[in-house]
Amino acid sequence: MKDPGWLTPQEQRAWRAHLAAHRLLSHQLDRELQVFGLSLNDYEILVNLSESPEHRMRMSELADATVQSRSRLSHQISRMEADGLVAREDCEDDRRGTFAVLTDLGWETMQRVAPEHVASVREHFVDLLTPEQVATIEEVYTGVVEHLHTLRSAK
């Protein structure tokens, strides 16, 4: 078996710090969104729809944007439909296609929740970093994301 290129002690600490920070930050943000009856996944879907033209996206594009399987997204959208936040609409020019559409209640929810969520992101992440650290994180994670998107697209 080939040597896997074991992590150095510093690389191991960096990797574990990344994992812990990701889990803890996601947990904290998710917990704070629960006050509004939303999960972090719900919020991510609402953000994507709110930033899309006509507040709608093909389900397949939304699944890709939120890095979810189409099946998992479908279940999530069903729950959000029951809450009145989104609706599904058939795609007129492609019978197989379906759109997820932000409802008026979904838009109102975004307008109410977004300022609170941004304040949480700032408190638990951005304000703990220097501007230089923010720039470094952006640079580093952009490369990692591009690499992983390439692998995901190849499947």
C-alpha atoms as a PDB file:
ATOM      1  CA  MET A   1       0.000   0.000   0.000  1.00  0.00           C
ATOM      2  CA  LYS A   2       1.227   3.465  -0.888  1.00  0.00           C
ATOM      3  CA  ASP A   3       2.112   5.905   1.893  1.00  0.00           C
ATOM      4  CA  PRO A   4      -0.939   8.172   2.263  1.00  0.00           C
ATOM      5  CA  GLY A   5       1.215  11.195   3.045  1.00  0.00           C
ATOM      6  CA  TRP A   6       0.295  11.407   6.710  1.00  0.00           C
ATOM      7  CA  LEU A   7      -0.565  14.827   8.030  1.00  0.00           C
ATOM      8  CA  THR A   8       2.095  16.734   9.891  1.00  0.00           C
ATOM      9  CA  PRO A   9       1.188  17.729  13.453  1.00  0.00           C
ATOM     10  CA  GLN A  10       0.351  21.263  12.257  1.00  0.00           C
ATOM     11  CA  GLU A  11      -1.735  19.957   9.333  1.00  0.00           C
ATOM     12  CA  GLN A  12      -3.570  17.624  11.728  1.00  0.00           C
ATOM     13  CA  ARG A  13      -4.310  20.507  14.126  1.00  0.00           C
ATOM     14  CA  ALA A  14      -5.494  22.708  11.237  1.00  0.00           C
ATOM     15  CA  TRP A  15      -7.740  19.957   9.873  1.00  0.00           C
ATOM     16  CA  ARG A  16      -9.259  19.207  13.274  1.00  0.00           C
ATOM     17  CA  ALA A  17      -9.760  22.911  13.996  1.00  0.00           C
ATOM     18  CA  HIS A  18     -11.555  23.249  10.650  1.00  0.00           C
ATOM     19  CA  LEU A  19     -13.835  20.291  11.430  1.00  0.00           C
ATOM     20  CA  ALA A  20     -14.629  21.542  14.934  1.00  0.00           C
ATOM     21  CA  ALA A  21     -15.236  25.121  13.773  1.00  0.00           C
ATOM     22  CA  HIS A  22     -17.509  23.962  10.949  1.00  0.00           C
ATOM     23  CA  ARG A  23     -19.572  21.717  13.224  1.00  0.00           C
ATOM     24  CA  LEU A  24     -19.806  24.181  16.088  1.00  0.00           C
ATOM     25  CA  LEU A  25     -20.613  27.159  13.861  1.00  0.00           C
ATOM     26  CA  SER A  26     -23.245  25.209  11.909  1.00  0.00           C
ATOM     27  CA  HIS A  27     -24.789  23.986  15.166  1.00  0.00           C
ATOM     28  CA  GLN A  28     -24.870  27.509  16.648  1.00  0.00           C
ATOM     29  CA  LEU A  29     -26.377  29.112  13.531  1.00  0.00           C
ATOM     30  CA  ASP A  30     -28.907  26.290  13.205  1.00  0.00           C
ATOM     31  CA  ARG A  31     -29.892  26.704  16.863  1.00  0.00           C
ATOM     32  CA  GLU A  32     -30.378  30.441  16.441  1.00  0.00           C
ATOM     33  CA  LEU A  33     -32.533  29.946  13.330  1.00  0.00           C
ATOM     34  CA  GLN A  34     -34.799  27.530  15.210  1.00  0.00           C
ATOM     35  CA  VAL A  35     -36.256  30.556  17.022  1.00  0.00           C
ATOM     36  CA  PHE A  36     -37.780  31.444  13.635  1.00  0.00           C
ATOM     37  CA  GLY A  37     -38.910  27.883  12.932  1.00  0.00           C
ATOM     38  CA  LEU A  38     -36.129  27.368  10.384  1.00  0.00           C
ATOM     39  CA  SER A  39     -33.116  25.126  10.058  1.00  0.00           C
ATOM     40  CA  LEU A  40     -29.840  26.188   8.488  1.00  0.00           C
ATOM     41  CA  ASN A  41     -30.817  24.082   5.441  1.00  0.00           C
ATOM     42  CA  ASP A  42     -34.173  25.872   5.206  1.00  0.00           C
ATOM     43  CA  TYR A  43     -32.423  29.221   5.379  1.00  0.00           C
ATOM     44  CA  GLU A  44     -29.945  28.258   2.659  1.00  0.00           C
ATOM     45  CA  ILE A  45     -32.830  27.319   0.365  1.00  0.00           C
ATOM     46  CA  LEU A  46     -34.641  30.582   1.107  1.00  0.00           C
ATOM     47  CA  VAL A  47     -31.451  32.566   0.397  1.00  0.00           C
ATOM     48  CA  ASN A  48     -30.916  30.832  -2.947  1.00  0.00           C
ATOM     49  CA  LEU A  49     -34.520  31.424  -4.004  1.00  0.00           C
ATOM     50  CA  SER A  50     -34.532  35.037  -2.775  1.00  0.00           C
ATOM     51  CA  GLU A  51     -31.426  35.796  -4.857  1.00  0.00           C
ATOM     52  CA  SER A  52     -32.732  34.111  -8.020  1.00  0.00           C
ATOM     53  CA  PRO A  53     -34.647  35.844 -10.815  1.00  0.00           C
ATOM     54  CA  GLU A  54     -38.362  35.823 -10.044  1.00  0.00           C
ATOM     55  CA  HIS A  55     -37.489  34.074  -6.743  1.00  0.00           C
ATOM     56  CA  ARG A  56     -37.507  30.679  -8.476  1.00  0.00           C
ATOM     57  CA  MET A  57     -35.055  27.934  -9.344  1.00  0.00           C
ATOM     58  CA  ARG A  58     -35.277  24.583 -11.039  1.00  0.00           C
ATOM     59  CA  MET A  59     -35.202  21.903  -8.375  1.00  0.00           C
ATOM     60  CA  SER A  60     -32.117  20.342  -9.977  1.00  0.00           C
ATOM     61  CA  GLU A  61     -30.255  23.675  -9.858  1.00  0.00           C
ATOM     62  CA  LEU A  62     -31.334  24.259  -6.264  1.00  0.00           C
ATOM     63  CA  ALA A  63     -30.088  20.780  -5.310  1.00  0.00           C
ATOM     64  CA  ASP A  64     -26.721  21.578  -6.883  1.00  0.00           C
ATOM     65  CA  ALA A  65     -26.556  25.019  -5.249  1.00  0.00           C
ATOM     66  CA  THR A  66     -27.290  23.596  -1.795  1.00  0.00           C
ATOM     67  CA  VAL A  67     -25.175  20.461  -2.337  1.00  0.00           C
ATOM     68  CA  GLN A  68     -28.061  18.106  -1.618  1.00  0.00           C
ATOM     69  CA  SER A  69     -29.333  15.059  -3.423  1.00  0.00           C
ATOM     70  CA  ARG A  70     -32.475  15.658  -5.435  1.00  0.00           C
ATOM     71  CA  SER A  71     -34.332  13.235  -3.176  1.00  0.00           C
ATOM     72  CA  ARG A  72     -33.276  14.971   0.028  1.00  0.00           C
ATOM     73  CA  LEU A  73     -34.108  18.385  -1.437  1.00  0.00           C
ATOM     74  CA  SER A  74     -37.534  17.132  -2.504  1.00  0.00           C
ATOM     75  CA  HIS A  75     -38.312  16.071   1.083  1.00  0.00           C
ATOM     76  CA  GLN A  76     -37.019  19.389   2.411  1.00  0.00           C
ATOM     77  CA  ILE A  77     -39.135  21.347  -0.078  1.00  0.00           C
ATOM     78  CA  SER A  78     -42.187  19.290   0.911  1.00  0.00           C
ATOM     79  CA  ARG A  79     -41.699  20.338   4.545  1.00  0.00           C
ATOM     80  CA  MET A  80     -41.182  23.962   3.542  1.00  0.00           C
ATOM     81  CA  GLU A  81     -44.277  23.833   1.310  1.00  0.00           C
ATOM     82  CA  ALA A  82     -46.325  22.639   4.290  1.00  0.00           C
ATOM     83  CA  ASP A  83     -45.077  25.714   6.163  1.00  0.00           C
ATOM     84  CA  GLY A  84     -46.073  27.979   3.261  1.00  0.00           C
ATOM     85  CA  LEU A  85     -42.513  29.190   2.589  1.00  0.00           C
ATOM     86  CA  VAL A  86     -42.123  27.757  -0.913  1.00  0.00           C
ATOM     87  CA  ALA A  87     -44.260  26.278  -3.659  1.00  0.00           C
ATOM     88  CA  ARG A  88     -43.542  23.960  -6.542  1.00  0.00           C
ATOM     89  CA  GLU A  89     -44.483  24.899 -10.072  1.00  0.00           C
ATOM     90  CA  ASP A  90     -44.222  22.839 -13.227  1.00  0.00           C
ATOM     91  CA  CYS A  91     -41.812  24.023 -15.874  1.00  0.00           C
ATOM     92  CA  GLU A  92     -43.859  24.973 -18.930  1.00  0.00           C
ATOM     93  CA  ASP A  93     -41.135  24.242 -21.488  1.00  0.00           C
ATOM     94  CA  ASP A  94     -39.940  20.987 -19.872  1.00  0.00           C
ATOM     95  CA  ARG A  95     -42.558  18.628 -18.487  1.00  0.00           C
ATOM     96  CA  ARG A  96     -39.988  16.830 -16.383  1.00  0.00           C
ATOM     97  CA  GLY A  97     -38.759  20.041 -14.762  1.00  0.00           C
ATOM     98  CA  THR A  98     -40.101  21.558 -11.579  1.00  0.00           C
ATOM     99  CA  PHE A  99     -39.409  24.933 -10.045  1.00  0.00           C
ATOM    100  CA  ALA A 100     -39.146  25.749  -6.361  1.00  0.00           C
ATOM    101  CA  VAL A 101     -40.658  29.199  -5.881  1.00  0.00           C
ATOM    102  CA  LEU A 102     -40.415  31.510  -2.898  1.00  0.00           C
ATOM    103  CA  THR A 103     -43.895  32.423  -1.657  1.00  0.00           C
ATOM    104  CA  ASP A 104     -44.864  35.811  -0.241  1.00  0.00           C
ATOM    105  CA  LEU A 105     -44.571  34.297   3.242  1.00  0.00           C
ATOM    106  CA  GLY A 106     -41.136  32.920   2.333  1.00  0.00           C
ATOM    107  CA  TRP A 107     -40.022  36.376   1.169  1.00  0.00           C
ATOM    108  CA  GLU A 108     -41.408  38.022   4.324  1.00  0.00           C
ATOM    109  CA  THR A 109     -39.615  35.392   6.410  1.00  0.00           C
ATOM    110  CA  MET A 110     -36.333  36.116   4.632  1.00  0.00           C
ATOM    111  CA  GLN A 111     -36.684  39.840   5.225  1.00  0.00           C
ATOM    112  CA  ARG A 112     -37.381  39.235   8.905  1.00  0.00           C
ATOM    113  CA  VAL A 113     -34.731  36.555   9.522  1.00  0.00           C
ATOM    114  CA  ALA A 114     -31.822  37.725   7.330  1.00  0.00           C
ATOM    115  CA  PRO A 115     -30.736  40.643   9.556  1.00  0.00           C
ATOM    116  CA  GLU A 116     -30.677  38.361  12.608  1.00  0.00           C
ATOM    117  CA  HIS A 117     -28.791  35.635  10.767  1.00  0.00           C
ATOM    118  CA  VAL A 118     -26.210  38.071   9.393  1.00  0.00           C
ATOM    119  CA  ALA A 119     -25.691  39.444  12.912  1.00  0.00           C
ATOM    120  CA  SER A 120     -25.080  35.872  14.108  1.00  0.00           C
ATOM    121  CA  VAL A 121     -22.598  35.162  11.310  1.00  0.00           C
ATOM    122  CA  ARG A 122     -20.808  38.367  12.192  1.00  0.00           C
ATOM    123  CA  GLU A 123     -20.779  37.614  15.942  1.00  0.00           C
ATOM    124  CA  HIS A 124     -19.690  33.978  15.691  1.00  0.00           C
ATOM    125  CA  PHE A 125     -17.350  34.208  12.694  1.00  0.00           C
ATOM    126  CA  VAL A 126     -16.528  37.451  10.869  1.00  0.00           C
ATOM    127  CA  ASP A 127     -15.900  39.681  13.874  1.00  0.00           C
ATOM    128  CA  LEU A 128     -13.503  37.109  15.358  1.00  0.00           C
ATOM    129  CA  LEU A 129     -11.167  37.582  12.380  1.00  0.00           C
ATOM    130  CA  THR A 130      -8.981  40.356  11.054  1.00  0.00           C
ATOM    131  CA  PRO A 131      -9.675  41.652   7.530  1.00  0.00           C
ATOM    132  CA  GLU A 132      -6.505  39.853   6.425  1.00  0.00           C
ATOM    133  CA  GLN A 133      -7.757  36.565   7.866  1.00  0.00           C
ATOM    134  CA  VAL A 134     -11.106  37.014   6.094  1.00  0.00           C
ATOM    135  CA  ALA A 135      -9.262  37.561   2.797  1.00  0.00           C
ATOM    136  CA  THR A 136      -7.115  34.475   3.406  1.00  0.00           C
ATOM    137  CA  ILE A 137     -10.133  32.316   4.237  1.00  0.00           C
ATOM    138  CA  GLU A 138     -11.886  33.505   1.096  1.00  0.00           C
ATOM    139  CA  GLU A 139      -8.837  32.703  -1.032  1.00  0.00           C
ATOM    140  CA  VAL A 140      -8.219  29.303   0.531  1.00  0.00           C
ATOM    141  CA  TYR A 141     -11.816  28.099   0.507  1.00  0.00           C
ATOM    142  CA  THR A 142     -12.439  29.348  -3.032  1.00  0.00           C
ATOM    143  CA  GLY A 143      -9.723  26.976  -4.236  1.00  0.00           C
ATOM    144  CA  VAL A 144     -11.081  24.072  -2.197  1.00  0.00           C
ATOM    145  CA  VAL A 145     -14.647  24.703  -3.398  1.00  0.00           C
ATOM    146  CA  GLU A 146     -13.563  24.902  -7.041  1.00  0.00           C
ATOM    147  CA  HIS A 147     -11.661  21.627  -6.711  1.00  0.00           C
ATOM    148  CA  LEU A 148     -14.603  19.845  -5.086  1.00  0.00           C
ATOM    149  CA  HIS A 149     -17.110  21.255  -7.607  1.00  0.00           C
ATOM    150  CA  THR A 150     -14.913  19.882 -10.380  1.00  0.00           C
ATOM    151  CA  LEU A 151     -14.963  16.421  -8.779  1.00  0.00           C
ATOM    152  CA  ARG A 152     -18.731  16.616  -8.221  1.00  0.00           C
ATOM    153  CA  SER A 153     -19.353  17.638 -11.838  1.00  0.00           C
ATOM    154  CA  ALA A 154     -17.242  14.740 -13.112  1.00  0.00           C
ATOM    155  CA  LYS A 155     -19.616  12.170 -11.597  1.00  0.00           C
END
